[in-house]
Protein backbone atom coordinates (compact mmCIF):
# COMPACT_ATOMS: atom_id res chain seq x y z
CA UNK A 1 -0.32 0.02 0.07
CA UNK A 2 0.96 3.68 -0.10
CA UNK A 3 3.24 5.41 2.03
CA UNK A 4 2.59 8.69 3.88
CA UNK A 5 3.30 10.37 1.05
CA UNK A 6 1.86 8.92 -2.08
CA UNK A 7 -1.90 7.44 -1.52
CA UNK A 8 -2.94 4.35 -3.50
CA UNK A 9 -5.19 5.90 -5.72
CA UNK A 10 -4.57 9.82 -6.70
CA UNK A 11 -7.92 12.16 -7.38
CA UNK A 12 -7.18 15.22 -8.70
CA UNK A 13 -8.61 18.85 -7.32
CA UNK A 14 -9.66 20.71 -10.60
CA UNK A 15 -11.58 24.03 -10.53
CA UNK A 16 -14.02 23.71 -13.72
CA UNK A 17 -17.89 23.01 -13.65
CA UNK A 18 -17.29 19.69 -12.54
CA UNK A 19 -15.76 20.29 -9.14
CA UNK A 20 -19.08 20.52 -7.12
CA UNK A 21 -19.98 16.59 -7.98
CA UNK A 22 -16.30 15.67 -8.03
CA UNK A 23 -15.51 17.05 -4.90
CA UNK A 24 -18.57 15.17 -3.19
CA UNK A 25 -18.14 11.86 -4.63
CA UNK A 26 -14.57 11.64 -3.24
CA UNK A 27 -15.45 11.05 0.39
CA UNK A 28 -17.97 8.33 -1.21
CA UNK A 29 -14.56 6.99 -2.73
CA UNK A 30 -12.56 7.29 0.16
CA UNK A 31 -15.04 5.55 2.23
CA UNK A 32 -15.36 1.93 -0.24
CA UNK A 33 -11.42 2.26 -0.37
CA UNK A 34 -10.74 2.40 3.01
CA UNK A 35 -12.30 -0.96 3.78
CA UNK A 36 -10.05 -2.71 1.51
CA UNK A 37 -6.62 -0.79 2.68
CA UNK A 38 -6.59 1.48 -0.18
CA UNK A 39 -6.08 5.20 0.42
CA UNK A 40 -6.95 7.90 -1.59
CA UNK A 41 -5.66 11.25 -1.59
CA UNK A 42 -5.52 14.65 -3.12
CA UNK A 43 -3.24 17.06 -6.02
CA UNK A 44 -4.36 20.24 -6.77
CA UNK A 45 -4.17 20.67 -10.73
CA UNK A 46 -6.65 23.87 -10.83
CA UNK A 47 -5.93 26.80 -12.48
CA UNK A 48 -5.65 28.77 -9.48
CA UNK A 49 -3.46 26.05 -8.12
CA UNK A 50 -0.69 26.00 -11.11
CA UNK A 51 -0.50 29.83 -10.81
CA UNK A 52 0.38 29.99 -6.91
CA UNK A 53 2.96 26.89 -7.58
CA UNK A 54 5.06 28.64 -10.87
CA UNK A 55 6.15 31.53 -8.32
CA UNK A 56 6.52 30.57 -5.12
CA UNK A 57 9.49 33.13 -4.75
CA UNK A 58 6.83 36.15 -4.44
CA UNK A 59 4.56 34.25 -1.78
CA UNK A 60 4.60 33.51 1.98
CA UNK A 61 4.95 30.15 3.41
CA UNK A 62 1.41 30.22 4.32
CA UNK A 63 0.21 30.87 0.39
CA UNK A 64 2.99 28.84 -1.15
CA UNK A 65 1.77 24.72 -2.59
CA UNK A 66 3.59 22.37 -3.81
CA UNK A 67 3.49 21.94 -7.64
CA UNK A 68 1.54 18.62 -7.79
CA UNK A 69 0.97 18.46 -11.99
CA UNK A 70 5.06 18.17 -12.00
CA UNK A 71 5.18 15.48 -9.10
CA UNK A 72 1.96 13.52 -11.36
CA UNK A 73 3.70 14.27 -14.69
CA UNK A 74 6.83 11.67 -12.75
CA UNK A 75 4.32 9.34 -11.19
CA UNK A 76 2.62 8.54 -14.51
CA UNK A 77 5.70 7.41 -16.13
CA UNK A 78 5.72 4.60 -12.83
CA UNK A 79 4.05 1.14 -12.86
CA UNK A 80 2.12 1.84 -9.57
CA UNK A 81 0.15 5.00 -11.09
CA UNK A 82 -3.17 4.98 -10.49
CA UNK A 83 -4.68 8.69 -11.22
CA UNK A 84 -8.50 9.41 -11.81
CA UNK A 85 -7.79 12.70 -13.50
CA UNK A 86 -10.89 14.88 -13.54
CA UNK A 87 -11.83 17.70 -16.40
CA UNK A 88 -9.87 20.52 -16.07
CA UNK A 89 -9.79 24.03 -17.57
CA UNK A 90 -7.55 24.60 -20.70
CA UNK A 91 -7.41 28.43 -19.78
CA UNK A 92 -7.31 30.89 -22.54
CA UNK A 93 -5.63 34.34 -22.04
CA UNK A 94 -8.81 36.01 -20.52
CA UNK A 95 -9.21 32.96 -18.02
CA UNK A 96 -5.45 33.43 -17.64
CA UNK A 97 -5.82 36.95 -16.65
CA UNK A 98 -9.07 36.70 -14.71
CA UNK A 99 -7.78 34.13 -12.71
CA UNK A 100 -4.62 35.66 -11.60
CA UNK A 101 -6.63 38.99 -10.95
CA UNK A 102 -8.79 37.01 -8.75
CA UNK A 103 -5.76 35.71 -6.78
CA UNK A 104 -3.90 38.88 -6.56
CA UNK A 105 -7.49 40.10 -4.95
CA UNK A 106 -7.02 37.34 -2.24
CA UNK A 107 -3.60 38.87 -1.37
CA UNK A 108 -1.60 36.91 -3.55
CA UNK A 109 1.40 38.70 -4.95
CA UNK A 110 1.46 37.25 -8.51
CA UNK A 111 2.93 39.69 -11.33
CA UNK A 112 0.49 40.89 -13.88
CA UNK A 113 0.53 38.66 -17.19
CA UNK A 114 2.81 41.01 -19.68
CA UNK A 115 0.65 40.90 -23.10
CA UNK A 116 3.84 42.32 -24.69
CA UNK A 117 6.93 41.95 -22.85
CA UNK A 118 9.55 43.95 -22.97
CA UNK A 119 12.54 42.88 -20.62
CA UNK A 120 13.81 40.02 -19.83
CA UNK A 121 12.18 39.69 -16.84
CA UNK A 122 8.77 40.16 -18.17
CA UNK A 123 10.02 38.13 -20.49
CA UNK A 124 10.35 35.37 -18.23
CA UNK A 125 6.95 35.65 -16.02
CA UNK A 126 5.63 35.52 -19.86
CA UNK A 127 7.18 32.14 -20.52
CA UNK A 128 5.92 30.83 -17.01
CA UNK A 129 2.46 31.94 -17.18
CA UNK A 130 2.02 30.39 -21.16
CA UNK A 131 3.07 27.04 -19.51
CA UNK A 132 -0.17 26.76 -17.69
CA UNK A 133 -2.30 28.45 -20.29
CA UNK A 134 -4.23 25.87 -22.85
CA UNK A 135 -3.48 22.24 -22.53
CA UNK A 136 -0.98 21.91 -19.95
CA UNK A 137 -2.40 18.86 -18.33
CA UNK A 138 -3.38 16.71 -20.65
CA UNK A 139 0.11 15.97 -22.50
CA UNK A 140 2.04 15.38 -18.75
CA UNK A 141 -0.62 13.10 -17.14
CA UNK A 142 -1.82 11.47 -20.68
CA UNK A 143 0.99 8.87 -20.44
CA UNK A 144 -1.35 5.79 -21.91
CA UNK A 145 -4.28 6.07 -24.48
CA UNK A 146 -7.78 7.07 -24.33
CA UNK A 147 -11.04 3.90 -24.44
CA UNK A 148 -13.95 6.02 -23.58
CA UNK A 149 -17.23 4.04 -23.57
CA UNK A 150 -20.38 4.69 -22.43
CA UNK A 151 -21.32 2.47 -19.89
CA UNK A 152 -24.81 0.30 -20.77
CA UNK A 153 -26.61 1.94 -18.10
CA UNK A 154 -26.02 5.22 -19.45
CA UNK A 155 -26.89 3.60 -23.05
CA UNK A 156 -30.03 2.44 -21.38
CA UNK A 157 -31.19 5.74 -19.82
CA UNK A 158 -30.64 7.46 -23.18
CA UNK A 159 -32.61 5.70 -25.17
CA UNK A 160 -35.29 5.37 -22.80
CA UNK A 161 -35.29 9.64 -21.88
CA UNK A 162 -33.88 10.47 -25.44
CA UNK A 163 -33.07 14.24 -25.93
CA UNK A 164 -34.21 16.96 -28.20
CA UNK A 165 -32.93 16.09 -32.11
CA UNK A 166 -33.66 18.97 -34.33
CA UNK A 167 -35.26 18.40 -38.10
CA UNK A 168 -33.04 18.45 -40.82
CA UNK A 169 -34.15 19.79 -44.56
CA UNK A 170 -32.40 18.64 -47.36
CA UNK A 171 -32.53 22.58 -48.50
CA UNK A 172 -30.59 23.47 -45.25
CA UNK A 173 -28.01 26.07 -46.15
CA UNK A 174 -26.17 25.37 -43.27
CA UNK A 175 -22.76 24.11 -44.60
CA UNK A 176 -19.07 23.93 -43.46
CA UNK A 177 -16.03 26.46 -45.17
CA UNK A 178 -12.28 25.62 -44.52
CA UNK A 179 -9.30 26.82 -46.47
CA UNK A 180 -8.48 25.48 -49.94
CA UNK A 181 -4.75 25.89 -49.17
CA UNK A 182 -2.59 27.68 -47.19
CA UNK A 183 -3.76 26.14 -43.86
CA UNK A 184 -1.71 23.38 -41.72
CA UNK A 185 -3.03 20.31 -43.60
CA UNK A 186 -1.61 21.61 -47.10
CA UNK A 187 1.51 22.67 -45.84
CA UNK A 188 2.44 19.88 -44.09
CA UNK A 189 5.34 17.35 -43.64
CA UNK A 190 6.54 14.63 -42.42
CA UNK A 191 9.39 12.39 -41.29
CA UNK A 192 10.06 9.15 -39.22
CA UNK A 193 13.34 9.41 -37.53
CA UNK A 194 15.76 6.73 -38.03
CA UNK A 195 17.45 7.35 -34.94
CA UNK A 196 16.83 9.30 -31.80
CA UNK A 197 17.56 13.52 -32.20
CA UNK A 198 16.56 16.65 -30.81
CA UNK A 199 15.06 19.14 -32.91
CA UNK A 200 14.63 23.16 -32.79
CA UNK A 201 11.65 25.30 -33.78
CA UNK A 202 12.71 28.17 -35.84
CA UNK A 203 11.44 31.31 -37.07
CA UNK A 204 12.66 32.93 -40.09
CA UNK A 205 11.85 36.30 -40.95
CA UNK A 206 13.22 38.92 -43.13
CA UNK A 207 14.65 40.65 -40.13
CA UNK A 208 16.52 37.44 -39.58
CA UNK A 209 15.90 33.75 -37.44
CA UNK A 210 14.03 33.69 -34.10
CA UNK A 211 14.98 30.34 -32.16
CA UNK A 212 11.23 29.59 -30.74
CA UNK A 213 12.22 26.30 -28.99
CA UNK A 214 14.93 24.24 -28.73
CA UNK A 215 16.22 21.10 -27.55
CA UNK A 216 13.13 18.88 -28.31
CA UNK A 217 13.95 15.22 -27.60
CA UNK A 218 12.32 12.29 -30.12
CA UNK A 219 13.11 8.38 -29.51
CA UNK A 220 13.90 6.77 -32.40
CA UNK A 221 10.96 5.76 -34.67
CA UNK A 222 8.79 9.36 -34.18
CA UNK A 223 7.30 10.48 -36.24
CA UNK A 224 8.15 14.69 -36.73
CA UNK A 225 5.26 16.52 -37.97
CA UNK A 226 5.85 19.98 -39.03
CA UNK A 227 3.37 22.71 -40.76
CA UNK A 228 2.65 26.27 -40.80
CA UNK A 229 -0.63 28.32 -41.76
CA UNK A 230 -0.55 31.62 -44.42
CA UNK A 231 -1.47 34.33 -42.39
CA UNK A 232 -2.22 36.29 -46.05
CA UNK A 233 -4.41 33.42 -47.09
CA UNK A 234 -6.20 32.97 -43.76
CA UNK A 235 -7.36 36.39 -43.99
CA UNK A 236 -8.29 35.72 -47.61
CA UNK A 237 -10.57 33.29 -46.60
CA UNK A 238 -12.24 34.79 -43.72
CA UNK A 239 -12.87 38.03 -45.14
CA UNK A 240 -13.95 35.76 -48.32
CA UNK A 241 -16.04 33.62 -46.36
CA UNK A 242 -17.64 37.29 -44.45
CA UNK A 243 -19.09 38.40 -47.65
CA UNK A 244 -20.39 34.82 -48.60
CA UNK A 245 -22.32 34.67 -45.84
CA UNK A 246 -23.57 37.76 -45.93
CA UNK A 247 -24.79 37.29 -49.77
CA UNK A 248 -26.33 33.61 -48.79
CA UNK A 249 -28.75 35.31 -46.07
CA UNK A 250 -27.11 32.78 -43.10
CA UNK A 251 -25.58 33.30 -39.80
CA UNK A 252 -21.63 33.31 -39.56
CA UNK A 253 -19.86 31.82 -36.96
CA UNK A 254 -16.11 30.15 -36.46
CA UNK A 255 -15.54 27.21 -34.50
CA UNK A 256 -12.03 26.69 -33.20
CA UNK A 257 -10.11 25.54 -29.95
CA UNK A 258 -8.31 28.81 -28.62
CA UNK A 259 -7.95 26.49 -24.97
CA UNK A 260 -6.20 23.60 -25.88
CA UNK A 261 -4.93 24.45 -29.05
CA UNK A 262 -3.20 27.55 -26.99
CA UNK A 263 -0.35 28.29 -29.43
CA UNK A 264 -2.06 28.36 -33.19
CA UNK A 265 -6.06 28.96 -32.19
CA UNK A 266 -5.58 32.17 -30.41
CA UNK A 267 -4.35 33.95 -33.34
CA UNK A 268 -6.74 32.26 -35.82
CA UNK A 269 -9.09 33.80 -33.40
CA UNK A 270 -7.48 37.39 -33.38
CA UNK A 271 -7.58 37.23 -36.98
CA UNK A 272 -11.09 36.71 -37.39
CA UNK A 273 -11.66 39.62 -35.03
CA UNK A 274 -10.06 41.30 -37.41
CA UNK A 275 -11.33 40.70 -40.31
CA UNK A 276 -14.81 41.26 -39.12
CA UNK A 277 -14.16 45.25 -38.19
CA UNK A 278 -11.13 45.21 -41.06
CA UNK A 279 -12.39 48.88 -41.98
CA UNK A 280 -12.14 49.97 -37.76
CA UNK A 281 -9.12 48.13 -37.95
CA UNK A 282 -7.69 50.13 -40.76
CA UNK A 283 -9.02 53.91 -39.85
CA UNK A 284 -7.82 53.28 -35.86
CA UNK A 285 -5.16 50.79 -35.93
CA UNK A 286 -2.99 53.19 -34.32
CA UNK A 287 -5.29 54.13 -31.52
CA UNK A 288 -6.38 51.05 -30.98
CA UNK A 289 -2.79 49.63 -30.15
CA UNK A 290 -2.38 53.11 -27.99
CA UNK A 291 -5.83 51.78 -25.81
CA UNK A 292 -4.06 48.18 -25.54
CA UNK A 293 -6.52 46.33 -27.73
CA UNK A 294 -5.69 42.76 -28.39
CA UNK A 295 -8.15 41.26 -31.35
CA UNK A 296 -6.95 37.76 -29.79
CA UNK A 297 -8.73 38.21 -26.88
CA UNK A 298 -12.35 39.29 -28.27
CA UNK A 299 -14.45 41.41 -29.02
CA UNK A 300 -16.04 41.35 -25.90
CA UNK A 301 -12.28 42.86 -24.55
CA UNK A 302 -11.92 45.31 -27.15
CA UNK A 303 -15.40 46.75 -27.10
CA UNK A 304 -14.25 46.98 -23.45
CA UNK A 305 -11.04 49.28 -24.32
CA UNK A 306 -12.78 51.41 -26.81
CA UNK A 307 -16.07 52.28 -25.17
CA UNK A 308 -14.82 55.71 -24.41
CA UNK A 309 -13.78 56.91 -28.10
CA UNK A 310 -17.26 57.89 -29.90
CA UNK A 311 -15.59 57.44 -33.61
CA UNK A 312 -14.26 54.16 -32.98
CA UNK A 313 -17.80 53.08 -31.73
CA UNK A 314 -19.34 54.64 -34.36
CA UNK A 315 -17.28 53.06 -37.15
CA UNK A 316 -17.64 49.44 -35.35
CA UNK A 317 -21.49 49.95 -35.30
CA UNK A 318 -21.27 50.86 -38.98
CA UNK A 319 -19.53 47.94 -40.43
CA UNK A 320 -21.54 45.65 -37.86
CA UNK A 321 -24.57 46.65 -39.74
CA UNK A 322 -23.04 45.88 -43.02
CA UNK A 323 -21.86 42.42 -41.97
CA UNK A 324 -24.02 39.20 -41.57
CA UNK A 325 -25.95 38.18 -38.50
CA UNK A 326 -23.14 36.38 -36.14
CA UNK A 327 -23.64 33.11 -34.24
CA UNK A 328 -24.37 33.74 -30.52
CA UNK A 329 -23.20 32.60 -27.63
CA UNK A 330 -26.35 34.67 -25.42
CA UNK A 331 -28.37 36.41 -27.78
CA UNK A 332 -30.29 38.25 -24.42
CA UNK A 333 -26.73 39.40 -23.68
CA UNK A 334 -25.65 40.68 -26.81
CA UNK A 335 -22.63 37.85 -26.75
CA UNK A 336 -21.38 37.04 -30.07
CA UNK A 337 -19.06 33.83 -31.23
CA UNK A 338 -16.49 36.41 -31.21
CA UNK A 339 -16.77 38.14 -28.14
CA UNK A 340 -14.48 35.95 -25.77
CA UNK A 341 -11.79 33.04 -27.52
CA UNK A 342 -12.37 30.54 -25.09
CA UNK A 343 -16.50 30.80 -25.36
CA UNK A 344 -16.85 28.75 -28.62
CA UNK A 345 -15.49 25.38 -28.77
CA UNK A 346 -15.69 23.32 -31.80
CA UNK A 347 -15.69 19.87 -30.01
CA UNK A 348 -18.81 21.18 -28.44
CA UNK A 349 -20.39 23.91 -30.60
CA UNK A 350 -20.90 21.74 -33.52
CA UNK A 351 -22.33 18.68 -32.22
CA UNK A 352 -24.87 20.73 -30.44
CA UNK A 353 -25.45 23.12 -34.27
CA UNK A 354 -25.41 19.48 -35.38
CA UNK A 355 -28.40 18.47 -33.21
CA UNK A 356 -30.18 21.04 -33.32
CA UNK A 357 -30.91 20.23 -37.24
CA UNK A 358 -27.92 22.83 -38.14
CA UNK A 359 -29.42 25.57 -36.94
CA UNK A 360 -27.69 28.33 -34.78
CA UNK A 361 -28.80 31.28 -32.20
CA UNK A 362 -28.85 34.09 -34.40
CA UNK A 363 -28.78 37.64 -32.88
CA UNK A 364 -32.43 38.13 -32.26
CA UNK A 365 -32.58 34.67 -30.51
CA UNK A 366 -34.10 32.87 -33.19
CA UNK A 367 -32.30 29.57 -35.40
CA UNK A 368 -31.03 29.96 -38.59
CA UNK A 369 -28.98 28.28 -41.21
CA UNK A 370 -25.50 28.48 -40.43
CA UNK A 371 -21.90 29.12 -42.44
CA UNK A 372 -20.25 26.68 -40.17
CA UNK A 373 -16.16 28.18 -40.36
CA UNK A 374 -13.77 25.79 -39.53
CA UNK A 375 -10.34 27.66 -41.10
CA UNK A 376 -8.21 24.24 -40.78
CA UNK A 377 -9.37 21.24 -43.18
CA UNK A 378 -7.26 19.02 -41.57
CA UNK A 379 -10.48 17.72 -39.15
CA UNK A 380 -13.36 20.15 -41.13
CA UNK A 381 -14.08 17.09 -43.26
CA UNK A 382 -15.48 15.50 -40.48
CA UNK A 383 -18.16 18.00 -39.89
CA UNK A 384 -18.76 18.49 -43.40
CA UNK A 385 -19.71 15.12 -43.97
CA UNK A 386 -21.89 14.48 -41.19
CA UNK A 387 -23.99 17.78 -42.32
CA UNK A 388 -23.82 16.27 -45.60
CA UNK A 389 -25.43 12.85 -44.09
CA UNK A 390 -28.02 14.34 -42.24
CA UNK A 391 -29.32 16.71 -45.09
CA UNK A 392 -29.85 13.42 -46.84
CA UNK A 393 -31.00 11.40 -44.14
CA UNK A 394 -32.80 13.35 -41.71
CA UNK A 395 -31.89 13.58 -37.98
CA UNK A 396 -30.75 10.15 -35.97
CA UNK A 397 -33.48 8.64 -32.95
CA UNK A 398 -31.45 8.97 -29.92
CA UNK A 399 -33.60 5.91 -28.63
CA UNK A 400 -32.65 3.51 -31.44
CA UNK A 401 -29.11 4.74 -32.39
CA UNK A 402 -26.09 3.16 -32.03
CA UNK A 403 -22.82 4.33 -30.45
CA UNK A 404 -19.41 5.01 -31.08
CA UNK A 405 -16.75 4.02 -28.78
CA UNK A 406 -13.76 6.75 -28.73
CA UNK A 407 -10.32 5.62 -28.52
CA UNK A 408 -7.28 7.92 -28.42
CA UNK A 409 -3.43 8.08 -28.95
CA UNK A 410 -2.53 10.32 -26.30
CA UNK A 411 0.97 8.97 -24.84
CA UNK A 412 3.84 11.36 -25.49
CA UNK A 413 2.31 14.42 -26.33
CA UNK A 414 0.97 12.34 -29.62
CA UNK A 415 -0.08 15.09 -32.46
CA UNK A 416 -2.41 17.61 -31.90
CA UNK A 417 -1.81 20.31 -34.56
CA UNK A 418 -1.45 24.20 -32.49
CA UNK A 419 -1.14 22.76 -29.04
CA UNK A 420 2.39 21.88 -28.19
CA UNK A 421 5.38 20.36 -29.69
């Protein structure tokens, strides 16, 4: 059995929606396990906990806490590891900044997140915070492959209590739009290593080279994959789809995963914000930069930054009137698809839209056909084929439909575009 420091089973503390249920379930597990002499303890991998553990030198003894994620990262590589990993937040920059501010208000002497670091000290702070955001937990803990299956009682309940399914029409205008070139898929190259090697990631520009990451180690037989997305091609694609959506009279929606895909998708999201308000950025770009506007943070942050600039606000409203209606997160509160990068996450938003008969919520709280913009063509065809299927065959019946088991390659940071090297 476990010693006093490492329990037989480790139950992770998280800070996302399931925490209330998971916290109440823990003593039940402990009660049953204790009868067999099995100990169940906890480790803190919450966003707040990881932030606190990153800056011990700035905190007093009572505030400090160990880096539990680093400890678990070592543990999961051992045969005796048994970790119950609960859903954890993959924080976007706005979520990270909000967590930092909340901790600061609680008396934690934490540095602000430097959006544009200018000194070595600021670059160090930025690097430490960047290691926390996005998919920071899964690459560390998932030292095994995923096998997710719905238990038979869950299937039985779902069939006996089928959820609502929207009706599909063969004439639905809902579609998926993705880039035909210049994206990650079209630029991808890969090689299988015949020996162990190290690699570095280098950005080459007209101003010279910048080493983004060095000393990445790969064992023999590793498939090393590299790709990039053209910013010019992305901008042209987004501008074209905005205009096509307006002409078709449907909703414009953007589906990314700016939480887990912390390297690529926040930037793609920012390009969408800039293209949506391109005339405003063309006219007021310098002033908006002075105000600290970062399109990667979303339309909500942008509007808050320029709310005291009447000319900019007037031009924003003018452009909005010329754009197609946008897919809404909350039409009652005026929160759009582009307000916050973490509000619309593709693996939740696209299934919900498909289940609703291809309908999205518009600005007036009404359902409409939707242009589902998924810039990278690596995974967009999955949703494109699903939509084509439902247009032809109609909706599924949850009372009789089967299930698909979810098997995933996750060990050793298995490939995830834009998430981590």
